[in-house]
Amino acid sequence: MSFSEILDLESSALKKESVLSSLEESALRKYVEYENRKNTAKDFPFEYFYEDVISGALRFKFKPVIGERNYKNAEKDALACLEISIEMWKLSPYSVPLWIQSALKFVDYLVLYYIQEYRKDTPRKYHKAGVEKSRYIQLSEYSDNEIKVAGNELAELYKMRNGFEHRTIIHEDGTQELVKPNFNKLKKKGTKLYSNALKRILKEYKNIYPKYIENI
């Protein structure tokens, strides 16, 4: 169920409509289930955070794939994001820079596992790129289309975040000027890049580890 549908149901519930169709009743039950699940989000931070970001069901067991240690560490970064906002779409634009920082750390566990354990590759260092951005560039160089595009999306997001943090222009006379921050643009584009990247990574993990896909 999409977030727009959830909002429509929430509005209908507030109006206390006396008659609901069977379809509306089914959707309302799903909404109640969603609200109950949201209330226990921090009990299952990895799954809740991932599903919230992609606006869909995970239906994949990451824990036995990436290992308990990586899974639990990723949970902590998921919790950091959930402490900022329990729902990505409700993020305040002013809290997005901090949210992106923890969100990138969360996905790094999946990125590193893919590079080192699945690909049996060594993380490379690229010119004018730190260790984090280098991982994403390396992903973008693999031939698998989903992971390739995800690498490009994460590299672009990382570049956006860095550009947002370092907003100083140095003029020829040595004077400096701070560029006006555009929080709304960072939220709109940044969350879209992140959501798309996590969808692609999930699809790739399902392709290479089909036995860990959960049946509906």
Protein backbone atom coordinates (compact mmCIF):
# COMPACT_ATOMS: atom_id res chain seq x y z
CA MET A 1 0.00 0.00 0.00
CA SER A 2 1.43 3.36 -1.04
CA PHE A 3 1.83 6.27 1.33
CA SER A 4 -0.71 8.31 -0.64
CA GLU A 5 -3.24 5.51 -0.09
CA ILE A 6 -2.39 5.50 3.60
CA LEU A 7 -3.07 9.23 3.80
CA ASP A 8 -6.41 8.80 2.02
CA LEU A 9 -7.41 6.10 4.48
CA GLU A 10 -6.29 8.19 7.41
CA SER A 11 -8.44 11.05 6.15
CA SER A 12 -11.44 8.75 5.73
CA ALA A 13 -11.00 7.35 9.22
CA LEU A 14 -10.92 10.84 10.70
CA LYS A 15 -14.20 11.66 8.95
CA LYS A 16 -15.69 8.54 10.61
CA GLU A 17 -17.49 7.35 7.53
CA SER A 18 -20.23 4.97 8.58
CA VAL A 19 -20.28 2.83 5.43
CA LEU A 20 -17.19 1.24 3.92
CA SER A 21 -16.97 -1.04 0.94
CA SER A 22 -15.25 -4.41 1.33
CA LEU A 23 -12.28 -2.99 -0.57
CA GLU A 24 -12.09 -0.03 1.79
CA GLU A 25 -12.39 -2.31 4.82
CA SER A 26 -9.52 -4.43 3.53
CA ALA A 27 -7.40 -1.34 2.92
CA LEU A 28 -8.27 -0.01 6.36
CA ARG A 29 -7.15 -3.26 7.97
CA LYS A 30 -3.86 -2.95 6.11
CA TYR A 31 -3.52 0.59 7.39
CA VAL A 32 -4.10 -0.53 10.99
CA GLU A 33 -1.51 -3.28 10.52
CA TYR A 34 0.89 -0.69 9.13
CA GLU A 35 0.34 1.60 12.13
CA ASN A 36 0.85 -1.27 14.58
CA ARG A 37 4.04 -2.24 12.79
CA LYS A 38 5.26 1.35 12.86
CA ASN A 39 4.79 1.39 16.63
CA THR A 40 7.22 -1.53 16.94
CA ALA A 41 9.63 -0.28 14.26
CA LYS A 42 12.55 0.04 16.65
CA ASP A 43 12.20 -3.61 17.65
CA PHE A 44 13.02 -4.60 14.06
CA PRO A 45 15.01 -1.60 12.78
CA PHE A 46 16.75 -3.25 9.83
CA GLU A 47 13.57 -4.57 8.23
CA TYR A 48 11.39 -1.60 9.08
CA PHE A 49 13.92 0.97 7.83
CA TYR A 50 14.57 -0.91 4.58
CA GLU A 51 10.85 -1.38 3.87
CA ASP A 52 10.07 2.22 4.74
CA VAL A 53 12.75 3.47 2.32
CA ILE A 54 11.59 1.30 -0.59
CA SER A 55 7.87 1.66 0.27
CA GLY A 56 7.40 -2.07 -0.07
CA ALA A 57 7.89 -5.47 1.53
CA LEU A 58 11.44 -6.77 1.93
CA ARG A 59 10.67 -10.51 1.73
CA PHE A 60 14.35 -11.35 2.00
CA LYS A 61 16.44 -12.63 4.92
CA PHE A 62 19.53 -10.44 5.02
CA LYS A 63 20.79 -11.64 8.40
CA PRO A 64 21.94 -15.15 7.35
CA VAL A 65 23.49 -13.69 4.20
CA ILE A 66 25.59 -10.82 5.55
CA GLY A 67 26.13 -12.38 8.98
CA GLU A 68 24.96 -11.45 12.47
CA ARG A 69 27.72 -8.93 13.16
CA ASN A 70 27.12 -6.89 9.99
CA TYR A 71 23.38 -7.18 10.47
CA LYS A 72 23.44 -5.90 14.06
CA ASN A 73 25.80 -3.04 13.17
CA ALA A 74 23.54 -2.05 10.28
CA GLU A 75 20.61 -2.12 12.71
CA LYS A 76 22.30 0.61 14.76
CA ASP A 77 22.56 2.91 11.75
CA ALA A 78 18.95 2.11 10.89
CA LEU A 79 17.99 3.09 14.44
CA ALA A 80 19.90 6.35 14.07
CA CYS A 81 17.76 7.13 11.00
CA LEU A 82 14.56 6.11 12.77
CA GLU A 83 15.41 8.37 15.72
CA ILE A 84 15.44 11.28 13.26
CA SER A 85 12.17 10.22 11.62
CA ILE A 86 10.16 7.01 11.84
CA GLU A 87 9.14 7.55 8.20
CA MET A 88 11.42 8.77 5.43
CA TRP A 89 8.67 10.67 3.62
CA LYS A 90 8.02 12.70 6.81
CA LEU A 91 11.63 13.80 7.18
CA SER A 92 12.09 17.46 7.94
CA PRO A 93 14.23 18.97 5.14
CA TYR A 94 16.55 20.36 7.82
CA SER A 95 17.25 16.91 9.26
CA VAL A 96 18.01 15.27 5.90
CA PRO A 97 21.82 15.87 5.95
CA LEU A 98 22.18 13.98 9.25
CA TRP A 99 19.76 11.28 8.09
CA ILE A 100 21.75 10.70 4.88
CA GLN A 101 24.93 10.25 6.90
CA SER A 102 23.50 7.29 8.83
CA ALA A 103 21.57 6.00 5.81
CA LEU A 104 24.80 5.69 3.81
CA LYS A 105 26.46 3.85 6.69
CA PHE A 106 23.54 1.41 6.72
CA VAL A 107 23.86 0.55 3.03
CA ASP A 108 27.66 0.33 3.26
CA TYR A 109 27.33 -3.03 5.04
CA LEU A 110 25.49 -4.41 2.01
CA VAL A 111 27.88 -2.76 -0.42
CA LEU A 112 31.02 -4.07 1.28
CA TYR A 113 29.58 -7.56 1.63
CA TYR A 114 28.76 -7.61 -2.07
CA ILE A 115 32.26 -6.47 -3.05
CA GLN A 116 34.29 -8.57 -0.64
CA GLU A 117 32.25 -11.70 0.00
CA TYR A 118 30.18 -12.21 -3.13
CA ARG A 119 32.58 -10.75 -5.70
CA LYS A 120 35.68 -11.89 -3.77
CA ASP A 121 37.14 -8.53 -4.70
CA THR A 122 39.27 -6.03 -2.79
CA PRO A 123 37.86 -2.53 -2.27
CA ARG A 124 39.74 -0.15 -4.53
CA LYS A 125 40.77 3.46 -3.97
CA TYR A 126 39.91 5.88 -6.75
CA HIS A 127 41.53 9.19 -7.58
CA LYS A 128 39.96 12.12 -5.73
CA ALA A 129 37.51 9.83 -3.94
CA GLY A 130 37.47 8.78 -0.30
CA VAL A 131 36.93 5.21 0.87
CA GLU A 132 33.13 5.57 0.97
CA LYS A 133 32.71 7.06 -2.51
CA SER A 134 35.27 4.60 -3.88
CA ARG A 135 33.00 1.71 -2.87
CA TYR A 136 30.14 3.17 -4.89
CA ILE A 137 32.35 3.84 -7.90
CA GLN A 138 33.55 0.24 -7.72
CA LEU A 139 29.93 -0.97 -7.69
CA SER A 140 29.22 1.13 -10.77
CA GLU A 141 31.98 -0.68 -12.68
CA TYR A 142 30.47 -4.15 -12.32
CA SER A 143 28.57 -5.48 -15.31
CA ASP A 144 25.36 -6.40 -13.46
CA ASN A 145 22.94 -3.66 -14.44
CA GLU A 146 21.07 -3.30 -11.13
CA ILE A 147 24.19 -3.05 -8.99
CA LYS A 148 25.89 -0.84 -11.57
CA VAL A 149 23.07 1.71 -11.49
CA ALA A 150 22.86 1.49 -7.68
CA GLY A 151 26.57 2.34 -7.49
CA ASN A 152 26.02 5.41 -9.67
CA GLU A 153 23.06 6.50 -7.56
CA LEU A 154 24.95 6.12 -4.28
CA ALA A 155 27.98 7.95 -5.69
CA GLU A 156 25.71 10.81 -6.78
CA LEU A 157 24.06 10.91 -3.36
CA TYR A 158 27.47 10.96 -1.65
CA LYS A 159 28.55 13.81 -3.91
CA MET A 160 25.38 15.73 -3.08
CA ARG A 161 25.92 15.26 0.64
CA ASN A 162 29.53 16.41 0.45
CA GLY A 163 28.59 19.39 -1.66
CA PHE A 164 25.96 20.30 0.89
CA GLU A 165 28.47 20.17 3.73
CA HIS A 166 31.18 22.12 1.89
CA ARG A 167 29.37 25.16 0.52
CA THR A 168 32.22 27.66 0.45
CA ILE A 169 33.17 29.58 -2.69
CA ILE A 170 36.64 31.17 -2.70
CA HIS A 171 36.91 34.17 -5.00
CA GLU A 172 40.03 35.31 -6.87
CA ASP A 173 40.72 38.03 -4.29
CA GLY A 174 40.73 35.42 -1.52
CA THR A 175 37.36 36.37 -0.05
CA GLN A 176 34.95 33.57 0.78
CA GLU A 177 31.23 33.20 0.30
CA LEU A 178 28.87 30.62 1.77
CA VAL A 179 26.37 29.20 -0.70
CA LYS A 180 22.72 29.24 0.41
CA PRO A 181 21.67 25.68 1.35
CA ASN A 182 18.74 24.12 -0.50
CA PHE A 183 17.35 21.65 2.04
CA ASN A 184 14.22 20.88 0.04
CA LYS A 185 16.22 19.88 -3.05
CA LEU A 186 18.48 17.65 -0.97
CA LYS A 187 15.45 15.91 0.54
CA LYS A 188 13.59 15.43 -2.73
CA LYS A 189 16.50 14.25 -4.85
CA GLY A 190 18.55 12.62 -2.09
CA THR A 191 15.79 10.39 -0.72
CA LYS A 192 14.79 9.36 -4.26
CA LEU A 193 18.37 8.35 -5.10
CA TYR A 194 18.66 6.39 -1.87
CA SER A 195 15.33 4.64 -2.29
CA ASN A 196 16.11 3.62 -5.87
CA ALA A 197 19.57 2.34 -4.89
CA LEU A 198 18.18 0.17 -2.07
CA LYS A 199 15.53 -1.27 -4.40
CA ARG A 200 18.24 -2.26 -6.90
CA ILE A 201 20.48 -3.74 -4.21
CA LEU A 202 17.58 -5.81 -2.87
CA LYS A 203 16.81 -7.08 -6.36
CA GLU A 204 20.44 -8.05 -6.88
CA TYR A 205 20.65 -9.88 -3.53
CA LYS A 206 17.49 -11.80 -4.39
CA ASN A 207 19.00 -12.78 -7.75
CA ILE A 208 22.22 -14.11 -6.25
CA TYR A 209 20.76 -15.59 -3.03
CA PRO A 210 17.30 -16.89 -4.07
CA LYS A 211 17.09 -19.40 -1.22
CA TYR A 212 16.79 -16.52 1.27
CA ILE A 213 13.72 -15.05 -0.41
CA GLU A 214 10.72 -15.30 1.91
CA ASN A 215 7.56 -16.77 0.44
CA ILE A 216 4.46 -14.60 0.56
